[in-house]
Amino acid sequence: MQLDKKFHDLLDRIVDNNILKETNERCYLRSCRLWLRFKDELAPIDRVCKEFVLIYEALKKKDSILAEKACREHLLHSIEVIKEKFSQLEKI
């Protein structure tokens, strides 16, 4: 969770877009609640690190299309895992 917080803080520092900063903060705060329940399933450290590197490299290159793609893939993967975990809870 500390890695995720550091990464989101880094994004806030390097982007010059208030809408992106607000979205980043909202996503982070909402994900914190889910982390408490599904931490190991939602964010295996190797997957998260790879996704963060892709996002960081795209931002470093100032490639907005690649950055958007990397962010979208990171979010969509997390959403799919969350859906899967919540569907398992419904079976209980």
N, C-alpha and C. Protein backbone atom coordinates (compact mmCIF):
# COMPACT_ATOMS: atom_id res chain seq x y z
N MET A 1 0.83 -1.19 0.00
CA MET A 1 0.00 0.00 0.00
C MET A 1 0.88 1.25 0.00
N GLN A 2 2.03 1.17 0.65
CA GLN A 2 2.94 2.32 0.66
C GLN A 2 3.45 2.63 -0.75
N LEU A 3 3.73 1.58 -1.52
CA LEU A 3 4.19 1.78 -2.89
C LEU A 3 3.12 2.49 -3.71
N ASP A 4 1.89 2.07 -3.54
CA ASP A 4 0.78 2.69 -4.26
C ASP A 4 0.65 4.16 -3.88
N LYS A 5 0.74 4.47 -2.61
CA LYS A 5 0.64 5.87 -2.16
C LYS A 5 1.78 6.69 -2.72
N LYS A 6 2.99 6.16 -2.68
CA LYS A 6 4.14 6.89 -3.21
C LYS A 6 3.98 7.16 -4.70
N PHE A 7 3.46 6.16 -5.41
CA PHE A 7 3.28 6.33 -6.85
C PHE A 7 2.23 7.39 -7.14
N HIS A 8 1.12 7.34 -6.45
CA HIS A 8 0.07 8.35 -6.67
C HIS A 8 0.57 9.74 -6.28
N ASP A 9 1.36 9.84 -5.24
CA ASP A 9 1.96 11.13 -4.86
C ASP A 9 2.91 11.63 -5.95
N LEU A 10 3.69 10.73 -6.51
CA LEU A 10 4.60 11.08 -7.60
C LEU A 10 3.82 11.62 -8.79
N LEU A 11 2.73 10.95 -9.14
CA LEU A 11 1.90 11.44 -10.25
C LEU A 11 1.41 12.85 -9.98
N ASP A 12 0.97 13.11 -8.77
CA ASP A 12 0.49 14.44 -8.43
C ASP A 12 1.57 15.50 -8.60
N ARG A 13 2.80 15.13 -8.30
CA ARG A 13 3.90 16.10 -8.39
C ARG A 13 4.32 16.38 -9.83
N ILE A 14 4.22 15.38 -10.70
CA ILE A 14 4.79 15.56 -12.04
C ILE A 14 3.77 15.98 -13.11
N VAL A 15 2.49 15.80 -12.84
CA VAL A 15 1.51 16.19 -13.86
C VAL A 15 1.03 17.61 -13.62
N ASP A 16 0.76 18.29 -14.70
CA ASP A 16 0.27 19.67 -14.62
C ASP A 16 -1.16 19.71 -15.16
N ASN A 17 -2.02 18.96 -14.47
CA ASN A 17 -3.39 18.84 -14.91
C ASN A 17 -4.25 18.61 -13.67
N ASN A 18 -5.01 19.61 -13.28
CA ASN A 18 -5.80 19.53 -12.05
C ASN A 18 -6.87 18.45 -12.09
N ILE A 19 -7.45 18.23 -13.25
CA ILE A 19 -8.47 17.19 -13.37
C ILE A 19 -7.84 15.81 -13.14
N LEU A 20 -6.66 15.60 -13.73
CA LEU A 20 -5.96 14.34 -13.52
C LEU A 20 -5.58 14.18 -12.05
N LYS A 21 -5.13 15.24 -11.42
CA LYS A 21 -4.76 15.18 -10.00
C LYS A 21 -5.96 14.82 -9.14
N GLU A 22 -7.12 15.44 -9.40
CA GLU A 22 -8.33 15.13 -8.63
C GLU A 22 -8.77 13.69 -8.86
N THR A 23 -8.71 13.23 -10.09
CA THR A 23 -9.09 11.86 -10.42
C THR A 23 -8.15 10.88 -9.74
N ASN A 24 -6.88 11.18 -9.79
CA ASN A 24 -5.86 10.34 -9.15
C ASN A 24 -6.15 10.21 -7.65
N GLU A 25 -6.45 11.31 -7.01
CA GLU A 25 -6.73 11.29 -5.56
C GLU A 25 -7.99 10.49 -5.25
N ARG A 26 -9.05 10.70 -6.03
CA ARG A 26 -10.30 9.96 -5.80
C ARG A 26 -10.08 8.46 -5.98
N CYS A 27 -9.37 8.09 -7.03
CA CYS A 27 -9.11 6.67 -7.28
C CYS A 27 -8.29 6.08 -6.14
N TYR A 28 -7.30 6.82 -5.70
CA TYR A 28 -6.46 6.30 -4.62
C TYR A 28 -7.27 6.10 -3.34
N LEU A 29 -8.08 7.08 -2.97
CA LEU A 29 -8.85 6.97 -1.73
C LEU A 29 -9.85 5.82 -1.79
N ARG A 30 -10.47 5.65 -2.93
CA ARG A 30 -11.42 4.54 -3.07
C ARG A 30 -10.71 3.20 -3.05
N SER A 31 -9.55 3.15 -3.66
CA SER A 31 -8.83 1.87 -3.68
C SER A 31 -8.34 1.48 -2.29
N CYS A 32 -8.09 2.45 -1.43
CA CYS A 32 -7.63 2.15 -0.07
C CYS A 32 -8.63 1.27 0.67
N ARG A 33 -9.90 1.55 0.48
CA ARG A 33 -10.92 0.75 1.15
C ARG A 33 -10.89 -0.70 0.67
N LEU A 34 -10.69 -0.88 -0.61
CA LEU A 34 -10.65 -2.23 -1.16
C LEU A 34 -9.35 -2.95 -0.78
N TRP A 35 -8.28 -2.20 -0.65
CA TRP A 35 -7.00 -2.78 -0.26
C TRP A 35 -7.11 -3.52 1.05
N LEU A 36 -7.83 -2.94 1.96
CA LEU A 36 -7.94 -3.54 3.29
C LEU A 36 -8.54 -4.94 3.22
N ARG A 37 -9.40 -5.17 2.28
CA ARG A 37 -10.08 -6.46 2.17
C ARG A 37 -9.37 -7.43 1.22
N PHE A 38 -8.86 -6.92 0.10
CA PHE A 38 -8.35 -7.78 -0.96
C PHE A 38 -6.90 -7.47 -1.36
N LYS A 39 -6.11 -6.99 -0.44
CA LYS A 39 -4.77 -6.50 -0.76
C LYS A 39 -3.94 -7.47 -1.61
N ASP A 40 -3.81 -8.68 -1.18
CA ASP A 40 -2.94 -9.62 -1.90
C ASP A 40 -3.48 -9.97 -3.28
N GLU A 41 -4.79 -10.06 -3.41
CA GLU A 41 -5.38 -10.40 -4.70
C GLU A 41 -5.39 -9.22 -5.65
N LEU A 42 -5.63 -8.02 -5.13
CA LEU A 42 -5.73 -6.84 -5.99
C LEU A 42 -4.39 -6.36 -6.50
N ALA A 43 -3.38 -6.50 -5.70
CA ALA A 43 -2.13 -5.85 -6.05
C ALA A 43 -0.91 -6.71 -5.77
N PRO A 44 -0.77 -7.81 -6.48
CA PRO A 44 0.49 -8.53 -6.31
C PRO A 44 1.63 -7.60 -6.74
N ILE A 45 2.64 -7.52 -5.92
CA ILE A 45 3.68 -6.51 -6.08
C ILE A 45 4.35 -6.54 -7.45
N ASP A 46 4.55 -7.70 -8.03
CA ASP A 46 5.21 -7.75 -9.34
C ASP A 46 4.35 -7.12 -10.43
N ARG A 47 3.05 -7.40 -10.42
CA ARG A 47 2.15 -6.81 -11.42
C ARG A 47 2.08 -5.30 -11.26
N VAL A 48 1.91 -4.85 -10.03
CA VAL A 48 1.78 -3.42 -9.77
C VAL A 48 3.05 -2.68 -10.18
N CYS A 49 4.19 -3.22 -9.84
CA CYS A 49 5.45 -2.56 -10.21
C CYS A 49 5.59 -2.44 -11.72
N LYS A 50 5.25 -3.48 -12.44
CA LYS A 50 5.33 -3.43 -13.91
C LYS A 50 4.39 -2.36 -14.46
N GLU A 51 3.18 -2.29 -13.92
CA GLU A 51 2.22 -1.28 -14.39
C GLU A 51 2.70 0.12 -14.05
N PHE A 52 3.23 0.31 -12.86
CA PHE A 52 3.74 1.63 -12.47
C PHE A 52 4.91 2.06 -13.35
N VAL A 53 5.78 1.13 -13.68
CA VAL A 53 6.92 1.46 -14.55
C VAL A 53 6.43 1.90 -15.92
N LEU A 54 5.44 1.20 -16.46
CA LEU A 54 4.89 1.58 -17.77
C LEU A 54 4.29 2.98 -17.73
N ILE A 55 3.55 3.29 -16.68
CA ILE A 55 2.94 4.61 -16.54
C ILE A 55 4.03 5.67 -16.40
N TYR A 56 4.99 5.41 -15.52
CA TYR A 56 6.08 6.36 -15.28
C TYR A 56 6.88 6.63 -16.56
N GLU A 57 7.24 5.58 -17.27
CA GLU A 57 8.03 5.76 -18.50
C GLU A 57 7.26 6.58 -19.54
N ALA A 58 5.97 6.34 -19.66
CA ALA A 58 5.16 7.10 -20.61
C ALA A 58 5.11 8.57 -20.22
N LEU A 59 4.95 8.84 -18.93
CA LEU A 59 4.93 10.23 -18.47
C LEU A 59 6.30 10.88 -18.64
N LYS A 60 7.33 10.14 -18.39
CA LYS A 60 8.70 10.66 -18.54
C LYS A 60 8.95 11.07 -19.99
N LYS A 61 8.42 10.27 -20.92
CA LYS A 61 8.56 10.57 -22.35
C LYS A 61 7.57 11.65 -22.81
N LYS A 62 6.67 12.04 -21.91
CA LYS A 62 5.60 12.99 -22.23
C LYS A 62 4.72 12.46 -23.35
N ASP A 63 4.51 11.15 -23.32
CA ASP A 63 3.67 10.47 -24.30
C ASP A 63 2.29 10.28 -23.68
N SER A 64 1.41 11.23 -23.93
CA SER A 64 0.09 11.20 -23.28
C SER A 64 -0.75 10.00 -23.74
N ILE A 65 -0.59 9.59 -24.97
CA ILE A 65 -1.37 8.45 -25.47
C ILE A 65 -0.93 7.17 -24.77
N LEU A 66 0.37 6.95 -24.67
CA LEU A 66 0.89 5.77 -23.99
C LEU A 66 0.58 5.81 -22.49
N ALA A 67 0.67 7.00 -21.89
CA ALA A 67 0.36 7.15 -20.46
C ALA A 67 -1.10 6.81 -20.19
N GLU A 68 -1.98 7.32 -21.05
CA GLU A 68 -3.40 7.03 -20.88
C GLU A 68 -3.66 5.53 -21.03
N LYS A 69 -3.02 4.91 -22.01
CA LYS A 69 -3.20 3.47 -22.23
C LYS A 69 -2.71 2.68 -21.02
N ALA A 70 -1.55 3.04 -20.49
CA ALA A 70 -1.00 2.32 -19.33
C ALA A 70 -1.88 2.51 -18.10
N CYS A 71 -2.37 3.73 -17.88
CA CYS A 71 -3.27 3.99 -16.75
C CYS A 71 -4.57 3.21 -16.90
N ARG A 72 -5.10 3.23 -18.10
CA ARG A 72 -6.37 2.52 -18.37
C ARG A 72 -6.20 1.02 -18.11
N GLU A 73 -5.10 0.44 -18.58
CA GLU A 73 -4.87 -0.98 -18.37
C GLU A 73 -4.71 -1.30 -16.88
N HIS A 74 -4.02 -0.44 -16.16
CA HIS A 74 -3.86 -0.63 -14.71
C HIS A 74 -5.22 -0.62 -14.02
N LEU A 75 -6.05 0.37 -14.36
CA LEU A 75 -7.37 0.47 -13.74
C LEU A 75 -8.28 -0.68 -14.15
N LEU A 76 -8.29 -1.01 -15.42
CA LEU A 76 -9.18 -2.08 -15.89
C LEU A 76 -8.81 -3.42 -15.28
N HIS A 77 -7.53 -3.68 -15.15
CA HIS A 77 -7.11 -4.93 -14.52
C HIS A 77 -7.60 -4.97 -13.07
N SER A 78 -7.44 -3.87 -12.36
CA SER A 78 -7.89 -3.81 -10.96
C SER A 78 -9.41 -3.99 -10.87
N ILE A 79 -10.12 -3.37 -11.78
CA ILE A 79 -11.59 -3.49 -11.78
C ILE A 79 -12.01 -4.93 -12.00
N GLU A 80 -11.35 -5.61 -12.93
CA GLU A 80 -11.69 -7.01 -13.19
C GLU A 80 -11.44 -7.88 -11.96
N VAL A 81 -10.34 -7.64 -11.28
CA VAL A 81 -10.05 -8.42 -10.07
C VAL A 81 -11.10 -8.13 -9.00
N ILE A 82 -11.48 -6.87 -8.86
CA ILE A 82 -12.49 -6.49 -7.87
C ILE A 82 -13.82 -7.18 -8.19
N LYS A 83 -14.22 -7.14 -9.45
CA LYS A 83 -15.47 -7.81 -9.84
C LYS A 83 -15.42 -9.29 -9.50
N GLU A 84 -14.30 -9.90 -9.81
CA GLU A 84 -14.15 -11.33 -9.53
C GLU A 84 -14.27 -11.60 -8.03
N LYS A 85 -13.61 -10.79 -7.21
CA LYS A 85 -13.63 -10.99 -5.77
C LYS A 85 -15.03 -10.75 -5.21
N PHE A 86 -15.73 -9.73 -5.69
CA PHE A 86 -17.07 -9.48 -5.19
C PHE A 86 -18.05 -10.56 -5.64
N SER A 87 -17.84 -11.11 -6.82
CA SER A 87 -18.72 -12.20 -7.25
C SER A 87 -18.51 -13.43 -6.37
N GLN A 88 -17.30 -13.63 -5.89
CA GLN A 88 -17.03 -14.74 -4.97
C GLN A 88 -17.73 -14.51 -3.64
N LEU A 89 -17.81 -13.27 -3.20
CA LEU A 89 -18.48 -12.95 -1.93
C LEU A 89 -19.97 -13.25 -2.02
N GLU A 90 -20.56 -13.02 -3.20
CA GLU A 90 -21.99 -13.28 -3.37
C GLU A 90 -22.32 -14.76 -3.20
N LYS A 91 -21.36 -15.64 -3.46
CA LYS A 91 -21.57 -17.08 -3.35
C LYS A 91 -21.56 -17.55 -1.91
N ILE A 92 -21.03 -16.72 -1.03
CA ILE A 92 -20.92 -17.10 0.38
C ILE A 92 -22.24 -16.95 1.10
